[in-house]
Amino acid sequence: MELVLLLIIPLLTALFVMLVRGGKAVQTASVLGAVLQLAATLYLTVAYSRETGSREGAMLFQREWTFFPSLNISFHIGVDGISVAMILLTALVVLAGVLVSGVQRPLNKEYYVLLNLLAVSAYGFFLSLDAFVMFLFLELAVLPKYLLIVLWGSGKKEYSANKLVLMLMAASAMIWIGLLGIYYGLNGTERTFDLVRLSTINLSPETQRFFFPFLFLGFGVFTAIFPFHTWVPDGHSSAPTAGSMFLVGISMKLGGYGCLRVATWLMPEGARLFSPAIIMLATIAILYGAFARSEEHTSELQSH
């Protein structure tokens, strides 16, 4: 299975969308592209299930192209069970988002191009086995989300979009500090952003204790960890339907995946040390969400 096809299909779909004319033709091209993405991910799921029996726990279908050798940065992709599940979820959300969008007014072509760019960023993030490239794909997803809310959103859309971008930019800065901490915490010959290689290196306990919070909280903001979750209700309420589906169905999963794939996988000692705080924040988020939902339901009953 050539994983790079998952990046090529939405890119070609975006290019084709820009070339066709007519609102219906644009939507048809986007639907066909989304169907091809889903077909490719289903094929990947079947291929992975066939291969994983004899190679359980391994990263499968790996490809690597080095493009910055002096810093040991490469375009390294591969999948395991978690990333395959996230990729399949992404393809389902992409198809559903395209189907519910219809013909957009104004800027119909631009709308579908942005949806495909979001798909590229999500696939690239879940496929990446190089932390630097993963970070680039994470940042690539921010701009389409901002534009979708500002141009096709409703309500306080400018406020919601600006709040989303500012909070995610702050989170990205924390992630970048954590990645640099890992990179420069290694000896010169060991320095790399490759996640597979980093997972075989025992980072010092001091490095793990200091930089784990940066990575976990940075990715946690993307996944709306309490108390850095306030961008979510504003973003969802202002985003167009497909944009809201992308936010909850894909974008928030990027943060959770990053917490597992980068922070916890590379720094297990840091995860163990901060596990009480993580459990506490998760418990508060569960209770807060339950009470908020209960209060909303009570208000609806009183209004009737």
Protein backbone atom coordinates (compact mmCIF):
# COMPACT_ATOMS: atom_id res chain seq x y z
CA MET A 1 0.00 0.00 0.00
CA GLU A 2 1.47 3.35 -1.07
CA LEU A 3 0.47 5.65 1.75
CA VAL A 4 1.44 8.75 -0.20
CA LEU A 5 -1.70 8.21 -2.30
CA LEU A 6 -3.73 9.40 0.68
CA LEU A 7 -2.05 12.78 0.26
CA ILE A 8 -2.12 12.83 -3.53
CA ILE A 9 -5.87 12.11 -3.90
CA PRO A 10 -7.16 15.18 -1.98
CA LEU A 11 -4.48 17.39 -3.55
CA LEU A 12 -5.56 16.31 -7.05
CA THR A 13 -9.19 16.76 -6.02
CA ALA A 14 -8.47 20.34 -4.95
CA LEU A 15 -6.69 21.00 -8.26
CA PHE A 16 -9.54 19.50 -10.27
CA VAL A 17 -12.09 21.54 -8.31
CA MET A 18 -10.28 24.71 -9.35
CA LEU A 19 -10.43 23.71 -13.02
CA VAL A 20 -14.10 22.73 -13.39
CA ARG A 21 -16.92 25.21 -13.88
CA GLY A 22 -20.35 25.36 -12.30
CA GLY A 23 -21.45 24.85 -8.71
CA LYS A 24 -22.81 21.35 -9.25
CA ALA A 25 -19.68 20.26 -11.11
CA VAL A 26 -17.52 21.48 -8.22
CA GLN A 27 -19.56 19.52 -5.70
CA THR A 28 -19.57 16.42 -7.91
CA ALA A 29 -15.78 16.55 -8.26
CA SER A 30 -15.44 16.92 -4.48
CA VAL A 31 -17.77 14.00 -3.82
CA LEU A 32 -15.84 11.78 -6.24
CA GLY A 33 -12.57 12.78 -4.58
CA ALA A 34 -13.99 12.01 -1.13
CA VAL A 35 -15.24 8.60 -2.35
CA LEU A 36 -11.76 7.82 -3.70
CA GLN A 37 -10.26 8.80 -0.33
CA LEU A 38 -12.65 6.48 1.47
CA ALA A 39 -11.92 3.65 -0.97
CA ALA A 40 -8.16 4.10 -0.43
CA THR A 41 -8.56 4.08 3.35
CA LEU A 42 -10.75 0.97 3.23
CA TYR A 43 -8.10 -0.75 1.12
CA LEU A 44 -5.47 0.38 3.66
CA THR A 45 -7.54 -1.02 6.52
CA VAL A 46 -7.87 -4.42 4.82
CA ALA A 47 -4.17 -4.48 3.86
CA TYR A 48 -3.15 -3.56 7.38
CA SER A 49 -5.34 -6.25 8.93
CA ARG A 50 -3.69 -8.83 6.66
CA GLU A 51 -0.15 -7.71 7.52
CA THR A 52 -0.51 -7.07 11.23
CA GLY A 53 -0.91 -10.74 12.20
CA SER A 54 2.77 -11.55 11.72
CA ARG A 55 4.06 -8.06 12.57
CA GLU A 56 1.92 -7.01 15.50
CA GLY A 57 2.85 -3.63 16.96
CA ALA A 58 5.12 -2.67 14.05
CA MET A 59 4.82 0.37 11.84
CA LEU A 60 3.74 -0.95 8.44
CA PHE A 61 4.05 0.32 4.85
CA GLN A 62 6.86 2.70 5.77
CA ARG A 63 8.41 5.05 3.23
CA GLU A 64 11.13 7.58 3.91
CA TRP A 65 12.60 10.42 1.87
CA THR A 66 15.29 12.54 3.50
CA PHE A 67 15.03 16.22 2.54
CA PHE A 68 17.10 17.95 5.28
CA PRO A 69 19.95 15.56 6.13
CA SER A 70 21.97 18.05 8.17
CA LEU A 71 19.17 18.12 10.77
CA ASN A 72 18.04 14.51 10.24
CA ILE A 73 14.61 15.63 9.00
CA SER A 74 12.84 13.31 6.59
CA PHE A 75 9.44 12.68 5.09
CA HIS A 76 8.90 9.39 6.92
CA ILE A 77 5.43 7.85 6.83
CA GLY A 78 3.91 4.62 8.14
CA VAL A 79 0.88 3.32 10.02
CA ASP A 80 -0.08 1.23 13.01
CA GLY A 81 -3.52 0.34 14.36
CA ILE A 82 -4.19 3.74 15.93
CA SER A 83 -3.27 5.75 12.83
CA VAL A 84 -5.24 3.43 10.54
CA ALA A 85 -8.35 3.99 12.67
CA MET A 86 -7.82 7.76 12.61
CA ILE A 87 -7.29 7.78 8.84
CA LEU A 88 -10.49 5.80 8.27
CA LEU A 89 -12.39 8.21 10.53
CA THR A 90 -10.96 11.15 8.57
CA ALA A 91 -12.13 9.72 5.25
CA LEU A 92 -15.65 9.15 6.62
CA VAL A 93 -15.87 12.71 7.95
CA VAL A 94 -14.53 14.15 4.69
CA LEU A 95 -17.19 12.35 2.67
CA ALA A 96 -19.97 13.32 5.07
CA GLY A 97 -18.79 16.94 5.14
CA VAL A 98 -18.76 17.18 1.36
CA LEU A 99 -22.21 15.59 1.04
CA VAL A 100 -23.86 18.05 3.43
CA SER A 101 -22.20 21.15 1.99
CA GLY A 102 -24.07 21.66 -1.28
CA VAL A 103 -23.29 24.70 -3.41
CA GLN A 104 -21.73 27.44 -1.30
CA ARG A 105 -22.28 31.14 -1.79
CA PRO A 106 -19.92 32.87 -2.20
CA LEU A 107 -16.59 31.29 -3.29
CA ASN A 108 -17.84 27.77 -3.93
CA LYS A 109 -14.56 26.49 -5.38
CA GLU A 110 -12.47 27.95 -2.58
CA TYR A 111 -14.71 26.31 0.01
CA TYR A 112 -14.11 22.81 -1.38
CA VAL A 113 -10.39 23.47 -1.87
CA LEU A 114 -10.11 24.31 1.83
CA LEU A 115 -11.97 21.14 2.79
CA ASN A 116 -9.47 19.11 0.77
CA LEU A 117 -6.54 20.95 2.34
CA LEU A 118 -7.93 20.02 5.74
CA ALA A 119 -8.05 16.41 4.58
CA VAL A 120 -4.42 16.58 3.40
CA SER A 121 -3.29 18.01 6.72
CA ALA A 122 -5.13 15.33 8.70
CA TYR A 123 -3.86 12.42 6.58
CA GLY A 124 -0.33 13.82 6.68
CA PHE A 125 -0.44 14.23 10.45
CA PHE A 126 -1.64 10.68 11.08
CA LEU A 127 0.83 9.21 8.57
CA SER A 128 3.92 11.13 9.71
CA LEU A 129 6.65 9.35 11.62
CA ASP A 130 8.84 12.45 11.72
CA ALA A 131 7.87 14.91 14.45
CA PHE A 132 8.96 17.95 12.43
CA VAL A 133 6.82 16.98 9.43
CA MET A 134 3.95 16.07 11.76
CA PHE A 135 4.17 19.57 13.23
CA LEU A 136 4.03 21.11 9.74
CA PHE A 137 0.85 19.20 8.91
CA LEU A 138 -0.67 20.25 12.24
CA GLU A 139 -0.03 23.88 11.37
CA LEU A 140 -1.35 23.42 7.84
CA ALA A 141 -4.76 22.58 9.31
CA VAL A 142 -5.10 25.88 11.20
CA LEU A 143 -5.44 28.24 8.22
CA PRO A 144 -8.30 26.36 6.46
CA LYS A 145 -10.21 26.19 9.75
CA TYR A 146 -9.82 29.94 10.20
CA LEU A 147 -10.95 30.75 6.66
CA LEU A 148 -13.91 28.37 6.77
CA ILE A 149 -15.25 30.11 9.87
CA VAL A 150 -14.52 33.68 8.72
CA LEU A 151 -15.86 33.32 5.17
CA TRP A 152 -18.74 30.85 5.56
CA GLY A 153 -19.50 30.97 9.28
CA SER A 154 -22.30 32.67 11.18
CA GLY A 155 -22.81 34.63 14.38
CA LYS A 156 -19.67 36.06 15.96
CA LYS A 157 -17.55 34.38 13.33
CA GLU A 158 -14.61 36.83 13.35
CA TYR A 159 -14.32 36.61 17.13
CA SER A 160 -14.58 32.81 17.09
CA ALA A 161 -12.03 32.40 14.29
CA ASN A 162 -9.52 34.77 15.91
CA LYS A 163 -9.91 33.05 19.27
CA LEU A 164 -9.37 29.65 17.67
CA VAL A 165 -6.22 30.77 15.85
CA LEU A 166 -4.69 32.56 18.85
CA MET A 167 -5.21 29.62 21.19
CA LEU A 168 -3.93 27.10 18.66
CA MET A 169 -0.90 29.28 17.89
CA ALA A 170 -0.05 29.37 21.60
CA ALA A 171 -0.47 25.59 21.72
CA SER A 172 1.80 25.21 18.67
CA ALA A 173 4.48 27.27 20.40
CA MET A 174 4.36 24.89 23.37
CA ILE A 175 4.61 21.87 21.07
CA TRP A 176 7.58 23.40 19.26
CA ILE A 177 9.38 24.04 22.55
CA GLY A 178 8.81 20.43 23.53
CA LEU A 179 10.11 19.10 20.21
CA LEU A 180 13.21 21.27 20.36
CA GLY A 181 13.77 20.14 23.94
CA ILE A 182 13.79 16.52 22.83
CA TYR A 183 15.98 17.24 19.79
CA TYR A 184 18.65 19.23 21.63
CA GLY A 185 18.46 16.98 24.68
CA LEU A 186 20.18 14.26 22.62
CA ASN A 187 23.82 13.96 21.70
CA GLY A 188 24.86 15.47 18.38
CA THR A 189 25.00 12.15 16.53
CA GLU A 190 21.64 11.01 17.97
CA ARG A 191 19.66 14.14 17.20
CA THR A 192 16.62 13.35 15.10
CA PHE A 193 12.93 14.09 14.78
CA ASP A 194 12.16 10.52 13.67
CA LEU A 195 9.56 9.10 16.06
CA VAL A 196 10.53 5.47 15.50
CA ARG A 197 14.19 6.14 16.26
CA LEU A 198 13.32 8.38 19.20
CA SER A 199 11.17 5.62 20.69
CA THR A 200 14.29 3.42 20.97
CA ILE A 201 16.28 6.13 22.76
CA ASN A 202 15.94 6.50 26.51
CA LEU A 203 15.53 10.23 27.05
CA SER A 204 16.94 11.44 30.34
CA PRO A 205 14.44 11.70 33.24
CA GLU A 206 15.18 15.44 33.49
CA THR A 207 14.31 15.99 29.83
CA GLN A 208 11.10 14.01 30.18
CA ARG A 209 9.97 15.77 33.35
CA PHE A 210 10.63 19.25 31.96
CA PHE A 211 9.37 18.94 28.39
CA PHE A 212 6.48 16.48 28.75
CA PRO A 213 4.07 19.23 30.00
CA PHE A 214 4.88 21.39 26.96
CA LEU A 215 4.02 18.62 24.52
CA PHE A 216 1.03 17.22 26.38
CA LEU A 217 -0.61 20.58 27.07
CA GLY A 218 0.21 21.84 23.59
CA PHE A 219 -1.50 18.90 21.94
CA GLY A 220 -4.12 19.03 24.70
CA VAL A 221 -5.27 22.48 23.60
CA PHE A 222 -5.92 21.07 20.13
CA THR A 223 -8.05 18.35 21.69
CA ALA A 224 -9.83 20.87 23.97
CA ILE A 225 -8.38 19.78 27.29
CA PHE A 226 -9.81 21.61 30.32
CA PRO A 227 -9.37 24.55 30.99
CA PHE A 228 -8.10 25.36 27.46
CA HIS A 229 -11.32 24.27 25.76
CA THR A 230 -13.13 27.58 25.37
CA TRP A 231 -12.28 27.92 21.67
CA VAL A 232 -14.40 24.85 20.91
CA PRO A 233 -17.96 26.07 21.64
CA ASP A 234 -17.29 29.38 19.88
CA GLY A 235 -15.71 27.65 16.89
CA HIS A 236 -18.46 25.06 16.54
CA SER A 237 -21.30 27.53 16.85
CA SER A 238 -19.81 29.82 14.21
CA ALA A 239 -18.40 27.28 11.74
CA PRO A 240 -20.38 26.04 8.73
CA THR A 241 -21.78 22.52 9.06
CA ALA A 242 -18.87 20.78 7.33
CA GLY A 243 -16.38 22.94 9.22
CA SER A 244 -17.96 21.95 12.53
CA MET A 245 -17.83 18.30 11.49
CA PHE A 246 -14.13 18.67 10.72
CA LEU A 247 -13.45 20.37 14.04
CA VAL A 248 -15.02 17.69 16.21
CA GLY A 249 -14.48 14.69 13.93
CA ILE A 250 -10.90 15.31 12.82
CA SER A 251 -9.14 18.37 14.23
CA MET A 252 -9.70 17.54 17.88
CA LYS A 253 -8.46 14.01 17.21
CA LEU A 254 -5.15 15.46 16.04
CA GLY A 255 -4.48 16.68 19.55
CA GLY A 256 -5.35 13.38 21.19
CA TYR A 257 -3.23 11.47 18.70
CA GLY A 258 -0.31 13.83 19.35
CA CYS A 259 -0.61 13.29 23.11
CA LEU A 260 -0.31 9.53 22.56
CA ARG A 261 2.11 9.35 19.61
CA VAL A 262 4.56 12.07 20.68
CA ALA A 263 4.26 13.00 24.34
CA THR A 264 3.41 9.64 25.92
CA TRP A 265 5.24 7.33 23.49
CA LEU A 266 8.51 9.23 23.60
CA MET A 267 8.42 10.24 27.29
CA PRO A 268 6.80 7.44 29.32
CA GLU A 269 8.53 8.57 32.51
CA GLY A 270 7.08 12.06 32.11
CA ALA A 271 3.64 10.57 31.45
CA ARG A 272 3.89 8.47 34.62
CA LEU A 273 4.98 11.46 36.69
CA PHE A 274 2.17 13.73 35.48
CA SER A 275 -0.52 11.05 35.28
CA PRO A 276 -2.32 12.27 38.47
CA ALA A 277 -2.67 15.76 36.97
CA ILE A 278 -3.86 14.31 33.65
CA ILE A 279 -6.46 12.16 35.42
CA MET A 280 -7.63 15.16 37.43
CA LEU A 281 -8.05 17.34 34.33
CA ALA A 282 -9.89 14.55 32.52
CA THR A 283 -12.23 14.04 35.47
CA ILE A 284 -12.99 17.75 35.70
CA ALA A 285 -13.71 17.84 31.95
CA ILE A 286 -16.13 14.90 32.24
CA LEU A 287 -18.01 16.41 35.18
CA TYR A 288 -17.99 19.90 33.68
CA GLY A 289 -19.40 18.60 30.41
CA ALA A 290 -22.07 16.57 32.20
CA PHE A 291 -23.24 19.51 34.33
CA ALA A 292 -23.20 21.87 31.34
CA ARG A 293 -25.31 19.45 29.33
CA SER A 294 -27.70 18.95 32.25
CA GLU A 295 -28.12 22.69 32.69
CA GLU A 296 -28.76 23.14 28.97
CA HIS A 297 -31.41 20.41 29.03
CA THR A 298 -33.10 22.03 32.06
CA SER A 299 -33.21 25.38 30.28
CA GLU A 300 -34.82 23.77 27.22
CA LEU A 301 -37.52 22.15 29.38
CA GLN A 302 -38.27 25.44 31.12
CA SER A 303 -38.58 27.26 27.79
CA HIS A 304 -41.23 24.77 26.67
